[in-house]
Amino acid sequence: MTTTTPHDPRPVPPPHADERTMLESWLDFHRETLALKCRGVTDAQARTASVEPSALTLLGLVQHLATVERQWFRAVLAGEDVPRLYEGEGEGYGFTLVEGRGLPEALADWRAQIAYAREACAARTLDDGGTVSGRAAEVLGVSTVSLRWIYLHMIEEYARHNGHADLVRERVDGVTGF
């Protein structure tokens, strides 16, 4: 594994590899991009919204992606009946900030969900799948998805939200890039 620079520890996805290695490598790259965007911010900065009227924050993005990891890898792929990661979350999907729950706790939750996801995926093939319900099943028109689909969806989810994190980070302290 190589990284982009000494100051940027993200693992560079290999330019030539099998499909699974590519999918997992790009997902890990995007996961580490989110971590990099949160590096060095204070709790107050992590709670700073991008621009009114949006309430989007770095802390909310980390919580949201912990929730998304939990949903797709634990509930859908592994078929677990998991409670919401954040009590009182309702339909906030992790974005709702709660006094007393800061960035260190959210990053720990997020890392724990990633560790579980890696473990849940290790023994499965890309064609193995899980069951979706509710709105996801309505949108997809089916009630099952493959691990391949989940990986691609997660890469898309992270890429989109890392773009949001770029803008929020620039707003809170002027840091751009990566």
N, C-alpha and C. Protein backbone atom coordinates (compact mmCIF):
# COMPACT_ATOMS: atom_id res chain seq x y z
N MET A 1 0.84 -1.18 0.00
CA MET A 1 0.00 0.00 0.00
C MET A 1 0.88 1.24 0.00
N THR A 2 0.55 2.16 -0.86
CA THR A 2 1.22 3.45 -0.85
C THR A 2 0.21 4.50 -0.44
N THR A 3 0.72 5.63 0.02
CA THR A 3 -0.15 6.74 0.38
C THR A 3 0.19 7.91 -0.53
N THR A 4 -0.68 8.90 -0.53
CA THR A 4 -0.49 10.01 -1.45
C THR A 4 0.71 10.87 -1.09
N THR A 5 0.86 11.27 0.18
CA THR A 5 2.03 12.03 0.66
C THR A 5 2.16 11.74 2.15
N PRO A 6 3.29 12.13 2.76
CA PRO A 6 3.41 11.93 4.22
C PRO A 6 2.33 12.66 5.01
N HIS A 7 1.82 13.78 4.49
CA HIS A 7 0.78 14.53 5.19
C HIS A 7 -0.62 14.06 4.83
N ASP A 8 -0.70 13.18 3.87
CA ASP A 8 -1.98 12.66 3.39
C ASP A 8 -1.90 11.14 3.41
N PRO A 9 -2.33 10.53 4.51
CA PRO A 9 -2.15 9.08 4.69
C PRO A 9 -3.16 8.18 3.98
N ARG A 10 -3.97 8.76 3.10
CA ARG A 10 -4.96 7.91 2.44
C ARG A 10 -4.28 6.86 1.57
N PRO A 11 -4.78 5.62 1.63
CA PRO A 11 -4.22 4.57 0.78
C PRO A 11 -4.63 4.79 -0.67
N VAL A 12 -3.67 4.75 -1.58
CA VAL A 12 -3.95 4.94 -2.99
C VAL A 12 -4.48 3.62 -3.57
N PRO A 13 -5.67 3.63 -4.15
CA PRO A 13 -6.19 2.40 -4.75
C PRO A 13 -5.28 1.93 -5.88
N PRO A 14 -5.06 0.62 -5.99
CA PRO A 14 -4.16 0.12 -7.03
C PRO A 14 -4.75 0.36 -8.42
N PRO A 15 -3.92 0.73 -9.39
CA PRO A 15 -4.42 0.96 -10.75
C PRO A 15 -4.76 -0.33 -11.49
N HIS A 16 -4.26 -1.45 -11.02
CA HIS A 16 -4.56 -2.74 -11.64
C HIS A 16 -4.81 -3.75 -10.52
N ALA A 17 -6.01 -4.26 -10.46
CA ALA A 17 -6.36 -5.25 -9.44
C ALA A 17 -7.68 -5.90 -9.82
N ASP A 18 -8.03 -6.93 -9.09
CA ASP A 18 -9.32 -7.58 -9.34
C ASP A 18 -10.45 -6.66 -8.83
N GLU A 19 -11.66 -6.99 -9.23
CA GLU A 19 -12.81 -6.13 -8.94
C GLU A 19 -12.99 -5.88 -7.44
N ARG A 20 -12.92 -6.92 -6.63
CA ARG A 20 -13.15 -6.76 -5.20
C ARG A 20 -12.09 -5.84 -4.58
N THR A 21 -10.84 -6.06 -4.95
CA THR A 21 -9.77 -5.21 -4.42
C THR A 21 -10.01 -3.76 -4.81
N MET A 22 -10.42 -3.52 -6.04
CA MET A 22 -10.71 -2.16 -6.49
C MET A 22 -11.85 -1.54 -5.66
N LEU A 23 -12.93 -2.27 -5.50
CA LEU A 23 -14.08 -1.73 -4.76
C LEU A 23 -13.70 -1.43 -3.31
N GLU A 24 -13.05 -2.38 -2.65
CA GLU A 24 -12.68 -2.17 -1.26
C GLU A 24 -11.64 -1.05 -1.12
N SER A 25 -10.72 -0.97 -2.07
CA SER A 25 -9.69 0.07 -2.01
C SER A 25 -10.27 1.46 -2.19
N TRP A 26 -11.19 1.61 -3.13
CA TRP A 26 -11.82 2.92 -3.33
C TRP A 26 -12.70 3.29 -2.15
N LEU A 27 -13.39 2.33 -1.57
CA LEU A 27 -14.20 2.63 -0.39
C LEU A 27 -13.29 3.06 0.76
N ASP A 28 -12.19 2.36 0.98
CA ASP A 28 -11.25 2.75 2.04
C ASP A 28 -10.64 4.13 1.77
N PHE A 29 -10.34 4.43 0.52
CA PHE A 29 -9.83 5.74 0.17
C PHE A 29 -10.82 6.83 0.57
N HIS A 30 -12.08 6.62 0.25
CA HIS A 30 -13.08 7.63 0.59
C HIS A 30 -13.34 7.70 2.08
N ARG A 31 -13.28 6.56 2.77
CA ARG A 31 -13.41 6.59 4.23
C ARG A 31 -12.30 7.43 4.83
N GLU A 32 -11.08 7.21 4.38
CA GLU A 32 -9.95 7.96 4.92
C GLU A 32 -9.97 9.42 4.49
N THR A 33 -10.60 9.71 3.37
CA THR A 33 -10.76 11.11 2.97
C THR A 33 -11.62 11.84 3.99
N LEU A 34 -12.70 11.20 4.44
CA LEU A 34 -13.53 11.83 5.48
C LEU A 34 -12.73 12.05 6.75
N ALA A 35 -11.96 11.06 7.17
CA ALA A 35 -11.14 11.21 8.38
C ALA A 35 -10.15 12.37 8.23
N LEU A 36 -9.56 12.47 7.06
CA LEU A 36 -8.59 13.54 6.80
C LEU A 36 -9.26 14.91 6.87
N LYS A 37 -10.47 15.01 6.38
CA LYS A 37 -11.18 16.29 6.40
C LYS A 37 -11.54 16.71 7.82
N CYS A 38 -11.58 15.75 8.73
CA CYS A 38 -11.91 16.05 10.13
C CYS A 38 -10.67 16.26 10.99
N ARG A 39 -9.51 15.96 10.44
CA ARG A 39 -8.27 16.05 11.23
C ARG A 39 -7.99 17.50 11.61
N GLY A 40 -7.74 17.70 12.90
CA GLY A 40 -7.32 19.01 13.39
C GLY A 40 -8.42 20.00 13.67
N VAL A 41 -9.68 19.61 13.55
CA VAL A 41 -10.75 20.56 13.86
C VAL A 41 -11.16 20.43 15.32
N THR A 42 -11.55 21.53 15.90
CA THR A 42 -12.06 21.53 17.27
C THR A 42 -13.51 21.06 17.26
N ASP A 43 -14.03 20.78 18.45
CA ASP A 43 -15.43 20.39 18.53
C ASP A 43 -16.34 21.50 18.03
N ALA A 44 -16.00 22.74 18.37
CA ALA A 44 -16.81 23.87 17.89
C ALA A 44 -16.78 23.94 16.37
N GLN A 45 -15.61 23.74 15.76
CA GLN A 45 -15.52 23.76 14.30
C GLN A 45 -16.30 22.60 13.69
N ALA A 46 -16.25 21.44 14.33
CA ALA A 46 -16.97 20.27 13.82
C ALA A 46 -18.48 20.50 13.85
N ARG A 47 -18.92 21.41 14.71
CA ARG A 47 -20.35 21.73 14.85
C ARG A 47 -20.76 22.95 14.02
N THR A 48 -19.82 23.56 13.33
CA THR A 48 -20.12 24.76 12.54
C THR A 48 -20.78 24.37 11.22
N ALA A 49 -21.93 24.97 10.96
CA ALA A 49 -22.67 24.68 9.72
C ALA A 49 -21.99 25.34 8.53
N SER A 50 -22.21 24.75 7.39
CA SER A 50 -21.56 25.23 6.16
C SER A 50 -21.99 26.65 5.83
N VAL A 51 -23.25 26.85 5.62
CA VAL A 51 -23.78 28.18 5.31
C VAL A 51 -25.29 28.12 5.50
N GLU A 52 -25.85 29.16 6.07
CA GLU A 52 -27.30 29.18 6.29
C GLU A 52 -28.02 29.13 4.96
N PRO A 53 -29.14 28.48 4.88
CA PRO A 53 -29.90 27.88 5.97
C PRO A 53 -29.49 26.44 6.29
N SER A 54 -28.48 25.91 5.64
CA SER A 54 -28.07 24.54 5.88
C SER A 54 -27.55 24.35 7.30
N ALA A 55 -27.86 23.19 7.87
CA ALA A 55 -27.34 22.82 9.18
C ALA A 55 -26.23 21.77 9.05
N LEU A 56 -25.73 21.56 7.83
CA LEU A 56 -24.73 20.54 7.56
C LEU A 56 -23.40 20.87 8.25
N THR A 57 -22.89 19.89 9.01
CA THR A 57 -21.63 20.06 9.75
C THR A 57 -20.74 18.85 9.53
N LEU A 58 -19.45 19.00 9.85
CA LEU A 58 -18.54 17.85 9.79
C LEU A 58 -18.98 16.77 10.78
N LEU A 59 -19.37 17.18 11.98
CA LEU A 59 -19.83 16.21 12.98
C LEU A 59 -21.06 15.46 12.46
N GLY A 60 -22.00 16.17 11.88
CA GLY A 60 -23.18 15.52 11.32
C GLY A 60 -22.85 14.57 10.19
N LEU A 61 -21.87 14.93 9.37
CA LEU A 61 -21.46 14.04 8.28
C LEU A 61 -20.85 12.75 8.81
N VAL A 62 -20.00 12.85 9.84
CA VAL A 62 -19.40 11.65 10.42
C VAL A 62 -20.49 10.76 11.03
N GLN A 63 -21.39 11.37 11.78
CA GLN A 63 -22.49 10.60 12.37
C GLN A 63 -23.34 9.95 11.28
N HIS A 64 -23.63 10.71 10.24
CA HIS A 64 -24.44 10.17 9.15
C HIS A 64 -23.76 8.97 8.51
N LEU A 65 -22.46 9.09 8.23
CA LEU A 65 -21.77 7.98 7.57
C LEU A 65 -21.61 6.78 8.49
N ALA A 66 -21.54 7.00 9.80
CA ALA A 66 -21.59 5.87 10.74
C ALA A 66 -22.94 5.17 10.65
N THR A 67 -23.99 5.96 10.55
CA THR A 67 -25.35 5.43 10.42
C THR A 67 -25.51 4.66 9.11
N VAL A 68 -24.96 5.20 8.03
CA VAL A 68 -25.05 4.55 6.71
C VAL A 68 -24.27 3.24 6.71
N GLU A 69 -23.06 3.24 7.28
CA GLU A 69 -22.27 2.01 7.38
C GLU A 69 -23.08 0.95 8.13
N ARG A 70 -23.66 1.35 9.24
CA ARG A 70 -24.45 0.43 10.08
C ARG A 70 -25.64 -0.12 9.30
N GLN A 71 -26.33 0.75 8.61
CA GLN A 71 -27.52 0.33 7.87
C GLN A 71 -27.18 -0.68 6.77
N TRP A 72 -26.20 -0.34 5.92
CA TRP A 72 -25.94 -1.20 4.76
C TRP A 72 -25.21 -2.49 5.11
N PHE A 73 -24.28 -2.43 6.05
CA PHE A 73 -23.51 -3.63 6.33
C PHE A 73 -24.09 -4.48 7.44
N ARG A 74 -24.71 -3.89 8.43
CA ARG A 74 -25.29 -4.68 9.52
C ARG A 74 -26.74 -5.05 9.24
N ALA A 75 -27.55 -4.05 8.93
CA ALA A 75 -28.98 -4.32 8.74
C ALA A 75 -29.25 -5.01 7.41
N VAL A 76 -28.71 -4.48 6.31
CA VAL A 76 -29.01 -5.05 5.00
C VAL A 76 -28.18 -6.31 4.73
N LEU A 77 -26.87 -6.19 4.74
CA LEU A 77 -26.03 -7.32 4.36
C LEU A 77 -26.10 -8.46 5.38
N ALA A 78 -25.93 -8.15 6.66
CA ALA A 78 -25.90 -9.19 7.68
C ALA A 78 -27.29 -9.56 8.20
N GLY A 79 -28.30 -8.77 7.85
CA GLY A 79 -29.66 -9.07 8.27
C GLY A 79 -29.92 -8.87 9.75
N GLU A 80 -29.11 -8.06 10.40
CA GLU A 80 -29.30 -7.80 11.83
C GLU A 80 -30.42 -6.80 12.06
N ASP A 81 -31.13 -6.98 13.14
CA ASP A 81 -32.14 -6.02 13.57
C ASP A 81 -31.44 -5.06 14.52
N VAL A 82 -30.87 -3.99 13.97
CA VAL A 82 -30.08 -3.07 14.78
C VAL A 82 -30.89 -1.83 15.14
N PRO A 83 -30.77 -1.39 16.37
CA PRO A 83 -31.43 -0.13 16.74
C PRO A 83 -30.69 1.04 16.09
N ARG A 84 -31.30 2.18 16.12
CA ARG A 84 -30.64 3.38 15.61
C ARG A 84 -29.34 3.58 16.37
N LEU A 85 -28.35 4.06 15.69
CA LEU A 85 -27.05 4.30 16.31
C LEU A 85 -27.14 5.45 17.30
N TYR A 86 -27.94 6.45 16.98
CA TYR A 86 -28.08 7.62 17.84
C TYR A 86 -29.52 7.72 18.32
N GLU A 87 -29.71 7.57 19.63
CA GLU A 87 -31.04 7.65 20.22
C GLU A 87 -31.68 9.00 19.91
N GLY A 88 -32.97 8.97 19.69
CA GLY A 88 -33.69 10.19 19.40
C GLY A 88 -33.43 10.71 18.00
N GLU A 89 -32.81 9.89 17.17
CA GLU A 89 -32.41 10.33 15.84
C GLU A 89 -33.59 10.58 14.91
N GLY A 90 -34.65 9.79 15.05
CA GLY A 90 -35.79 9.97 14.16
C GLY A 90 -35.36 9.80 12.71
N GLU A 91 -35.76 10.71 11.87
CA GLU A 91 -35.41 10.64 10.45
C GLU A 91 -34.19 11.48 10.12
N GLY A 92 -33.40 11.84 11.11
CA GLY A 92 -32.22 12.68 10.88
C GLY A 92 -31.05 11.97 10.25
N TYR A 93 -31.08 10.64 10.23
CA TYR A 93 -30.03 9.84 9.60
C TYR A 93 -28.63 10.21 10.06
N GLY A 94 -28.49 10.60 11.33
CA GLY A 94 -27.18 10.91 11.89
C GLY A 94 -26.80 12.37 11.85
N PHE A 95 -27.48 13.17 11.07
CA PHE A 95 -27.09 14.57 10.91
C PHE A 95 -27.40 15.43 12.14
N THR A 96 -28.34 14.99 12.97
CA THR A 96 -28.76 15.77 14.12
C THR A 96 -27.66 15.81 15.19
N LEU A 97 -27.30 17.00 15.63
CA LEU A 97 -26.28 17.16 16.65
C LEU A 97 -26.92 17.16 18.03
N VAL A 98 -26.21 16.55 18.97
CA VAL A 98 -26.69 16.47 20.34
C VAL A 98 -25.59 17.03 21.25
N GLU A 99 -25.99 17.86 22.19
CA GLU A 99 -25.03 18.42 23.15
C GLU A 99 -24.36 17.27 23.90
N GLY A 100 -23.06 17.37 24.05
CA GLY A 100 -22.33 16.35 24.79
C GLY A 100 -21.80 15.20 23.95
N ARG A 101 -22.26 15.10 22.72
CA ARG A 101 -21.73 14.07 21.81
C ARG A 101 -20.91 14.80 20.76
N GLY A 102 -19.59 14.63 20.84
CA GLY A 102 -18.70 15.39 19.98
C GLY A 102 -18.02 14.57 18.92
N LEU A 103 -17.08 15.18 18.26
CA LEU A 103 -16.37 14.55 17.16
C LEU A 103 -15.60 13.30 17.58
N PRO A 104 -14.90 13.30 18.72
CA PRO A 104 -14.19 12.06 19.10
C PRO A 104 -15.12 10.86 19.24
N GLU A 105 -16.28 11.07 19.85
CA GLU A 105 -17.25 9.98 20.00
C GLU A 105 -17.81 9.54 18.65
N ALA A 106 -18.11 10.50 17.81
CA ALA A 106 -18.65 10.18 16.48
C ALA A 106 -17.63 9.42 15.64
N LEU A 107 -16.37 9.85 15.69
CA LEU A 107 -15.33 9.14 14.94
C LEU A 107 -15.15 7.72 15.47
N ALA A 108 -15.24 7.54 16.78
CA ALA A 108 -15.14 6.19 17.36
C ALA A 108 -16.31 5.32 16.90
N ASP A 109 -17.52 5.88 16.91
CA ASP A 109 -18.70 5.14 16.41
C ASP A 109 -18.50 4.75 14.95
N TRP A 110 -18.05 5.70 14.17
CA TRP A 110 -17.84 5.49 12.74
C TRP A 110 -16.80 4.42 12.49
N ARG A 111 -15.66 4.50 13.18
CA ARG A 111 -14.61 3.48 13.02
C ARG A 111 -15.11 2.10 13.44
N ALA A 112 -15.92 2.03 14.48
CA ALA A 112 -16.47 0.73 14.92
C ALA A 112 -17.37 0.15 13.85
N GLN A 113 -18.17 0.99 13.20
CA GLN A 113 -19.04 0.50 12.14
C GLN A 113 -18.23 0.03 10.93
N ILE A 114 -17.14 0.72 10.63
CA ILE A 114 -16.27 0.31 9.52
C ILE A 114 -15.63 -1.04 9.84
N ALA A 115 -15.17 -1.22 11.07
CA ALA A 115 -14.56 -2.49 11.46
C ALA A 115 -15.57 -3.63 11.31
N TYR A 116 -16.80 -3.37 11.75
CA TYR A 116 -17.83 -4.40 11.60
C TYR A 116 -18.08 -4.69 10.12
N ALA A 117 -18.14 -3.66 9.31
CA ALA A 117 -18.40 -3.84 7.88
C ALA A 117 -17.33 -4.72 7.24
N ARG A 118 -16.08 -4.44 7.56
CA ARG A 118 -14.99 -5.25 7.00
C ARG A 118 -15.13 -6.71 7.40
N GLU A 119 -15.46 -6.94 8.65
CA GLU A 119 -15.63 -8.31 9.14
C GLU A 119 -16.82 -8.99 8.46
N ALA A 120 -17.91 -8.27 8.32
CA ALA A 120 -19.12 -8.84 7.70
C ALA A 120 -18.89 -9.18 6.24
N CYS A 121 -18.05 -8.43 5.57
CA CYS A 121 -17.81 -8.64 4.14
C CYS A 121 -16.77 -9.71 3.86
N ALA A 122 -15.89 -9.96 4.79
CA ALA A 122 -14.74 -10.83 4.56
C ALA A 122 -15.12 -12.21 4.03
N ALA A 123 -16.15 -12.80 4.55
CA ALA A 123 -16.52 -14.16 4.16
C ALA A 123 -17.56 -14.21 3.04
N ARG A 124 -17.91 -13.06 2.51
CA ARG A 124 -18.94 -13.01 1.47
C ARG A 124 -18.32 -12.74 0.10
N THR A 125 -19.02 -13.20 -0.92
CA THR A 125 -18.61 -12.88 -2.29
C THR A 125 -19.33 -11.61 -2.72
N LEU A 126 -18.90 -11.03 -3.82
CA LEU A 126 -19.55 -9.84 -4.34
C LEU A 126 -20.98 -10.12 -4.77
N ASP A 127 -21.30 -11.36 -5.08
CA ASP A 127 -22.65 -11.72 -5.49
C ASP A 127 -23.56 -12.03 -4.32
N ASP A 128 -23.00 -12.24 -3.12
CA ASP A 128 -23.83 -12.44 -1.94
C ASP A 128 -24.58 -11.14 -1.68
N GLY A 129 -25.71 -11.27 -1.03
CA GLY A 129 -26.48 -10.05 -0.85
C GLY A 129 -27.25 -9.99 0.43
N GLY A 130 -28.05 -8.97 0.50
CA GLY A 130 -28.88 -8.73 1.66
C GLY A 130 -30.23 -8.19 1.22
N THR A 131 -31.08 -7.98 2.20
CA THR A 131 -32.45 -7.58 1.94
C THR A 131 -32.70 -6.13 2.35
N VAL A 132 -33.32 -5.40 1.46
CA VAL A 132 -33.73 -4.03 1.75
C VAL A 132 -35.23 -4.01 1.93
N SER A 133 -35.71 -2.99 2.59
CA SER A 133 -37.16 -2.87 2.78
C SER A 133 -37.55 -1.40 2.69
N GLY A 134 -38.82 -1.14 2.84
CA GLY A 134 -39.30 0.23 2.87
C GLY A 134 -38.99 1.02 1.61
N ARG A 135 -38.55 2.23 1.82
CA ARG A 135 -38.29 3.16 0.70
C ARG A 135 -37.23 2.63 -0.25
N ALA A 136 -36.18 1.99 0.28
CA ALA A 136 -35.12 1.46 -0.59
C ALA A 136 -35.68 0.41 -1.54
N ALA A 137 -36.52 -0.47 -1.05
CA ALA A 137 -37.11 -1.50 -1.91
C ALA A 137 -38.03 -0.87 -2.95
N GLU A 138 -38.75 0.17 -2.57
CA GLU A 138 -39.61 0.86 -3.52
C GLU A 138 -38.80 1.50 -4.65
N VAL A 139 -37.73 2.19 -4.29
CA VAL A 139 -36.90 2.86 -5.27
C VAL A 139 -36.23 1.86 -6.20
N LEU A 140 -35.69 0.78 -5.63
CA LEU A 140 -34.98 -0.22 -6.42
C LEU A 140 -35.91 -1.13 -7.22
N GLY A 141 -37.11 -1.30 -6.73
CA GLY A 141 -38.05 -2.20 -7.40
C GLY A 141 -37.81 -3.66 -7.08
N VAL A 142 -36.88 -3.93 -6.18
CA VAL A 142 -36.58 -5.28 -5.71
C VAL A 142 -36.26 -5.21 -4.22
N SER A 143 -36.21 -6.35 -3.57
CA SER A 143 -35.94 -6.34 -2.13
C SER A 143 -34.55 -6.88 -1.78
N THR A 144 -33.72 -7.13 -2.78
CA THR A 144 -32.38 -7.62 -2.50
C THR A 144 -31.34 -6.82 -3.27
N VAL A 145 -30.14 -6.75 -2.69
CA VAL A 145 -28.99 -6.11 -3.34
C VAL A 145 -27.77 -6.99 -3.09
N SER A 146 -26.82 -6.93 -4.01
CA SER A 146 -25.58 -7.69 -3.84
C SER A 146 -24.56 -6.87 -3.05
N LEU A 147 -23.56 -7.55 -2.53
CA LEU A 147 -22.46 -6.85 -1.87
C LEU A 147 -21.79 -5.90 -2.86
N ARG A 148 -21.68 -6.28 -4.11
CA ARG A 148 -21.12 -5.41 -5.15
C ARG A 148 -21.89 -4.09 -5.20
N TRP A 149 -23.22 -4.20 -5.21
CA TRP A 149 -24.08 -3.01 -5.25
C TRP A 149 -23.85 -2.16 -4.01
N ILE A 150 -23.76 -2.80 -2.85
CA ILE A 150 -23.55 -2.06 -1.60
C ILE A 150 -22.22 -1.32 -1.65
N TYR A 151 -21.16 -1.99 -2.09
CA TYR A 151 -19.87 -1.31 -2.21
C TYR A 151 -19.96 -0.09 -3.13
N LEU A 152 -20.56 -0.25 -4.28
CA LEU A 152 -20.68 0.87 -5.22
C LEU A 152 -21.51 2.00 -4.62
N HIS A 153 -22.60 1.65 -3.95
CA HIS A 153 -23.42 2.66 -3.31
C HIS A 153 -22.63 3.40 -2.23
N MET A 154 -21.86 2.66 -1.43
CA MET A 154 -21.09 3.31 -0.37
C MET A 154 -20.01 4.23 -0.94
N ILE A 155 -19.37 3.83 -2.03
CA ILE A 155 -18.38 4.70 -2.68
C ILE A 155 -19.05 5.99 -3.13
N GLU A 156 -20.21 5.87 -3.73
CA GLU A 156 -20.97 7.04 -4.18
C GLU A 156 -21.38 7.91 -2.99
N GLU A 157 -21.83 7.27 -1.92
CA GLU A 157 -22.27 7.99 -0.73
C GLU A 157 -21.11 8.80 -0.13
N TYR A 158 -19.97 8.16 0.02
CA TYR A 158 -18.80 8.86 0.56
C TYR A 158 -18.32 9.96 -0.38
N ALA A 159 -18.26 9.69 -1.67
CA ALA A 159 -17.78 10.70 -2.62
C ALA A 159 -18.64 11.96 -2.54
N ARG A 160 -19.94 11.77 -2.49
CA ARG A 160 -20.86 12.91 -2.41
C ARG A 160 -20.64 13.68 -1.11
N HIS A 161 -20.61 12.96 0.00
CA HIS A 161 -20.48 13.63 1.29
C HIS A 161 -19.07 14.18 1.53
N ASN A 162 -18.07 13.60 0.93
CA ASN A 162 -16.73 14.19 1.03
C ASN A 162 -16.68 15.54 0.31
N GLY A 163 -17.46 15.68 -0.75
CA GLY A 163 -17.59 16.98 -1.40
C GLY A 163 -18.22 17.99 -0.46
N HIS A 164 -19.25 17.55 0.27
CA HIS A 164 -19.85 18.43 1.27
C HIS A 164 -18.82 18.79 2.35
N ALA A 165 -18.06 17.79 2.79
CA ALA A 165 -17.06 18.03 3.83
C ALA A 165 -16.00 19.03 3.36
N ASP A 166 -15.66 18.99 2.07
CA ASP A 166 -14.73 19.99 1.51
C ASP A 166 -15.24 21.40 1.79
N LEU A 167 -16.50 21.61 1.48
CA LEU A 167 -17.08 22.94 1.62
C LEU A 167 -17.21 23.36 3.07
N VAL A 168 -17.62 22.41 3.93
CA VAL A 168 -17.75 22.74 5.35
C VAL A 168 -16.38 23.06 5.93
N ARG A 169 -15.38 22.24 5.62
CA ARG A 169 -14.04 22.47 6.15
C ARG A 169 -13.50 23.82 5.69
N GLU A 170 -13.71 24.18 4.44
CA GLU A 170 -13.26 25.48 3.96
C GLU A 170 -13.95 26.59 4.74
N ARG A 171 -15.21 26.41 5.04
CA ARG A 171 -15.98 27.40 5.81
C ARG A 171 -15.45 27.56 7.22
N VAL A 172 -15.10 26.45 7.88
CA VAL A 172 -14.73 26.54 9.30
C VAL A 172 -13.32 27.06 9.53
N ASP A 173 -12.37 26.74 8.62
CA ASP A 173 -11.01 27.21 8.87
C ASP A 173 -10.19 27.50 7.61
N GLY A 174 -10.84 27.49 6.46
CA GLY A 174 -10.16 27.85 5.24
C GLY A 174 -9.34 26.75 4.60
N VAL A 175 -9.28 25.56 5.23
CA VAL A 175 -8.50 24.47 4.67
C VAL A 175 -9.19 23.90 3.44
N THR A 176 -8.44 23.77 2.37
CA THR A 176 -8.97 23.19 1.13
C THR A 176 -8.01 22.11 0.65
N GLY A 177 -8.44 21.40 -0.34
CA GLY A 177 -7.59 20.34 -0.90
C GLY A 177 -7.89 19.01 -0.28
N PHE A 178 -7.05 18.07 -0.54
CA PHE A 178 -7.22 16.68 -0.19
C PHE A 178 -8.59 16.27 -0.54
